[in-house]
N, C-alpha and C. Protein backbone atom coordinates (compact mmCIF):
# COMPACT_ATOMS: atom_id res chain seq x y z
N MET A 1 67.75 136.92 27.43
CA MET A 1 68.35 137.38 28.67
C MET A 1 69.17 138.64 28.39
N PRO A 2 68.96 139.74 29.12
CA PRO A 2 69.71 140.96 28.88
C PRO A 2 71.17 140.80 29.28
N SER A 3 72.06 141.49 28.55
CA SER A 3 73.48 141.40 28.87
C SER A 3 73.81 142.30 30.06
N ALA A 4 74.91 141.98 30.71
CA ALA A 4 75.37 142.78 31.85
C ALA A 4 75.87 144.13 31.33
N PRO A 5 75.72 145.18 32.13
CA PRO A 5 76.20 146.49 31.71
C PRO A 5 77.71 146.49 31.46
N GLU A 6 78.13 147.32 30.53
CA GLU A 6 79.55 147.44 30.20
C GLU A 6 80.14 148.62 30.97
N TYR A 7 81.32 148.42 31.52
CA TYR A 7 82.02 149.43 32.29
C TYR A 7 83.37 149.72 31.63
N GLN A 8 83.84 150.96 31.79
CA GLN A 8 85.16 151.32 31.28
C GLN A 8 86.01 151.83 32.43
N LEU A 9 87.17 151.22 32.58
CA LEU A 9 88.13 151.61 33.61
C LEU A 9 89.29 152.31 32.91
N ARG A 10 89.63 153.51 33.39
CA ARG A 10 90.78 154.25 32.88
C ARG A 10 91.75 154.43 34.04
N ILE A 11 92.99 154.03 33.80
CA ILE A 11 94.03 154.14 34.84
C ILE A 11 95.19 154.95 34.28
N ALA A 12 95.59 155.96 35.02
CA ALA A 12 96.73 156.78 34.63
C ALA A 12 97.80 156.65 35.70
N ARG A 13 99.02 156.38 35.26
CA ARG A 13 100.13 156.29 36.22
C ARG A 13 101.26 157.22 35.80
N HIS A 14 101.92 157.75 36.80
CA HIS A 14 103.03 158.67 36.61
C HIS A 14 104.24 157.91 36.08
N ARG A 15 104.87 158.44 35.03
CA ARG A 15 106.13 157.88 34.54
C ARG A 15 107.26 158.45 35.40
N PRO A 16 108.24 157.64 35.74
CA PRO A 16 109.34 158.12 36.58
C PRO A 16 110.07 159.33 35.99
N ARG A 17 110.18 159.43 34.67
CA ARG A 17 110.89 160.54 34.04
C ARG A 17 109.95 161.63 33.54
N GLY A 18 108.71 161.60 33.99
CA GLY A 18 107.73 162.60 33.59
C GLY A 18 106.71 162.03 32.63
N GLY A 19 105.57 162.65 32.57
CA GLY A 19 104.49 162.19 31.72
C GLY A 19 103.61 161.17 32.42
N VAL A 20 102.70 160.63 31.65
CA VAL A 20 101.69 159.72 32.20
C VAL A 20 101.42 158.59 31.21
N ASP A 21 101.31 157.37 31.71
CA ASP A 21 100.83 156.23 30.93
C ASP A 21 99.35 156.05 31.25
N VAL A 22 98.54 155.80 30.24
CA VAL A 22 97.11 155.58 30.45
C VAL A 22 96.73 154.22 29.87
N GLU A 23 96.01 153.46 30.67
CA GLU A 23 95.49 152.15 30.25
C GLU A 23 93.97 152.19 30.33
N ASN A 24 93.33 151.50 29.42
CA ASN A 24 91.86 151.38 29.41
C ASN A 24 91.50 149.91 29.47
N ALA A 25 90.47 149.61 30.22
CA ALA A 25 89.93 148.25 30.25
C ALA A 25 88.42 148.37 30.17
N ILE A 26 87.83 147.55 29.33
CA ILE A 26 86.37 147.50 29.20
C ILE A 26 85.94 146.10 29.61
N PHE A 27 84.96 146.04 30.51
CA PHE A 27 84.48 144.74 30.98
C PHE A 27 83.01 144.82 31.33
N ASP A 28 82.38 143.67 31.42
CA ASP A 28 80.99 143.56 31.84
C ASP A 28 80.95 143.12 33.30
N ALA A 29 79.94 143.54 34.01
CA ALA A 29 79.73 143.11 35.40
C ALA A 29 78.23 143.06 35.66
N THR A 30 77.84 142.14 36.51
CA THR A 30 76.41 141.96 36.78
C THR A 30 75.82 143.05 37.66
N THR A 31 76.66 143.62 38.54
CA THR A 31 76.20 144.72 39.41
C THR A 31 77.28 145.80 39.48
N MET A 32 76.88 146.96 39.94
CA MET A 32 77.83 148.05 40.10
C MET A 32 78.88 147.69 41.16
N GLN A 33 78.47 147.00 42.21
CA GLN A 33 79.40 146.61 43.26
C GLN A 33 80.46 145.64 42.73
N VAL A 34 80.05 144.73 41.87
CA VAL A 34 81.01 143.79 41.24
C VAL A 34 81.96 144.57 40.34
N ALA A 35 81.45 145.54 39.61
CA ALA A 35 82.30 146.35 38.74
C ALA A 35 83.33 147.13 39.55
N ILE A 36 82.93 147.70 40.67
CA ILE A 36 83.86 148.45 41.52
C ILE A 36 84.92 147.52 42.10
N ALA A 37 84.53 146.34 42.53
CA ALA A 37 85.50 145.37 43.06
C ALA A 37 86.50 144.97 41.99
N GLN A 38 86.02 144.75 40.78
CA GLN A 38 86.91 144.38 39.68
C GLN A 38 87.84 145.55 39.33
N ALA A 39 87.31 146.77 39.32
CA ALA A 39 88.13 147.94 39.03
C ALA A 39 89.20 148.13 40.10
N THR A 40 88.85 147.92 41.36
CA THR A 40 89.80 148.04 42.45
C THR A 40 90.95 147.04 42.29
N GLU A 41 90.61 145.81 41.97
CA GLU A 41 91.63 144.78 41.77
C GLU A 41 92.54 145.11 40.59
N LEU A 42 91.95 145.47 39.46
CA LEU A 42 92.74 145.80 38.27
C LEU A 42 93.64 147.00 38.50
N THR A 43 93.12 148.00 39.21
CA THR A 43 93.90 149.20 39.50
C THR A 43 95.11 148.86 40.37
N GLY A 44 94.90 148.11 41.41
CA GLY A 44 96.00 147.71 42.28
C GLY A 44 97.04 146.89 41.56
N ARG A 45 96.59 146.00 40.69
CA ARG A 45 97.51 145.16 39.93
C ARG A 45 98.33 146.00 38.95
N PHE A 46 97.69 146.94 38.27
CA PHE A 46 98.38 147.76 37.27
C PHE A 46 99.32 148.77 37.91
N LEU A 47 98.89 149.41 38.99
CA LEU A 47 99.70 150.47 39.58
C LEU A 47 100.76 149.97 40.55
N GLY A 48 100.51 148.89 41.26
CA GLY A 48 101.48 148.43 42.25
C GLY A 48 101.74 149.53 43.25
N ASN A 49 103.00 149.94 43.39
CA ASN A 49 103.37 151.00 44.33
C ASN A 49 103.53 152.36 43.64
N GLN A 50 103.18 152.45 42.37
CA GLN A 50 103.35 153.69 41.62
C GLN A 50 102.21 154.66 41.91
N LEU A 51 102.48 155.94 41.66
CA LEU A 51 101.44 156.97 41.77
C LEU A 51 100.48 156.82 40.61
N GLY A 52 99.20 157.04 40.87
CA GLY A 52 98.24 156.98 39.77
C GLY A 52 96.82 157.27 40.21
N VAL A 53 95.96 157.37 39.22
CA VAL A 53 94.54 157.57 39.47
C VAL A 53 93.75 156.64 38.55
N ALA A 54 92.54 156.33 38.98
CA ALA A 54 91.67 155.47 38.18
C ALA A 54 90.25 156.00 38.23
N THR A 55 89.53 155.83 37.14
CA THR A 55 88.10 156.16 37.10
C THR A 55 87.34 155.02 36.44
N LEU A 56 86.16 154.77 36.95
CA LEU A 56 85.28 153.76 36.40
C LEU A 56 84.00 154.45 35.94
N THR A 57 83.64 154.23 34.69
CA THR A 57 82.44 154.85 34.13
C THR A 57 81.60 153.80 33.41
N SER A 58 80.36 154.19 33.16
CA SER A 58 79.49 153.39 32.30
C SER A 58 78.64 154.36 31.48
N ALA A 59 78.23 153.91 30.33
CA ALA A 59 77.39 154.74 29.47
C ALA A 59 76.07 155.05 30.17
N LYS A 60 75.59 154.13 30.98
CA LYS A 60 74.29 154.29 31.65
C LYS A 60 74.34 155.25 32.83
N TRP A 61 75.43 155.18 33.65
CA TRP A 61 75.48 155.95 34.89
C TRP A 61 76.55 157.04 34.91
N GLY A 62 77.41 157.10 33.92
CA GLY A 62 78.50 158.09 33.95
C GLY A 62 79.59 157.66 34.90
N LEU A 63 80.17 158.61 35.63
CA LEU A 63 81.24 158.31 36.58
C LEU A 63 80.67 157.56 37.78
N ILE A 64 81.28 156.43 38.09
CA ILE A 64 80.80 155.58 39.18
C ILE A 64 81.77 155.58 40.35
N TRP A 65 83.07 155.58 40.04
CA TRP A 65 84.08 155.38 41.07
C TRP A 65 85.36 156.04 40.62
N SER A 66 86.09 156.63 41.55
CA SER A 66 87.42 157.15 41.24
C SER A 66 88.32 156.85 42.42
N TYR A 67 89.61 156.77 42.15
CA TYR A 67 90.55 156.35 43.18
C TYR A 67 91.90 157.00 42.94
N ARG A 68 92.50 157.52 44.00
CA ARG A 68 93.85 158.10 43.97
C ARG A 68 94.77 157.10 44.66
N HIS A 69 95.69 156.52 43.93
CA HIS A 69 96.56 155.45 44.45
C HIS A 69 97.93 156.03 44.79
N ASN A 70 98.30 155.97 46.08
CA ASN A 70 99.59 156.47 46.55
C ASN A 70 99.81 157.94 46.20
N MET A 71 98.73 158.69 46.12
CA MET A 71 98.81 160.11 45.78
C MET A 71 98.64 160.93 47.06
N PRO A 72 99.30 162.09 47.13
CA PRO A 72 99.07 162.95 48.29
C PRO A 72 97.65 163.48 48.28
N ASP A 73 97.17 163.86 49.45
CA ASP A 73 95.83 164.44 49.54
C ASP A 73 95.78 165.74 48.73
N PRO A 74 94.64 166.02 48.10
CA PRO A 74 94.53 167.27 47.36
C PRO A 74 94.60 168.46 48.33
N PRO A 75 95.07 169.61 47.85
CA PRO A 75 95.20 170.76 48.75
C PRO A 75 93.84 171.37 49.09
N GLY A 76 93.72 171.78 50.32
CA GLY A 76 92.55 172.55 50.76
C GLY A 76 91.21 171.86 50.61
N PRO A 77 90.15 172.58 50.99
CA PRO A 77 88.79 172.01 50.91
C PRO A 77 88.27 171.95 49.50
């Protein structure tokens, strides 16, 4: 039986006194939708109300999902 694809979640959060903390999580998921749901949950749990960004990638598909948490909209088009 083939194994589920491996995904990597990277979360960066703003430090109150400047700089950035980065966390990585590697997990398996049976589908891309399950991986995105898991990444969304982990991101919310890690960031809480803090500013941050998250990206979900896989070796097979590259960048799958990104999220700006409590961040202002980027400037311009």
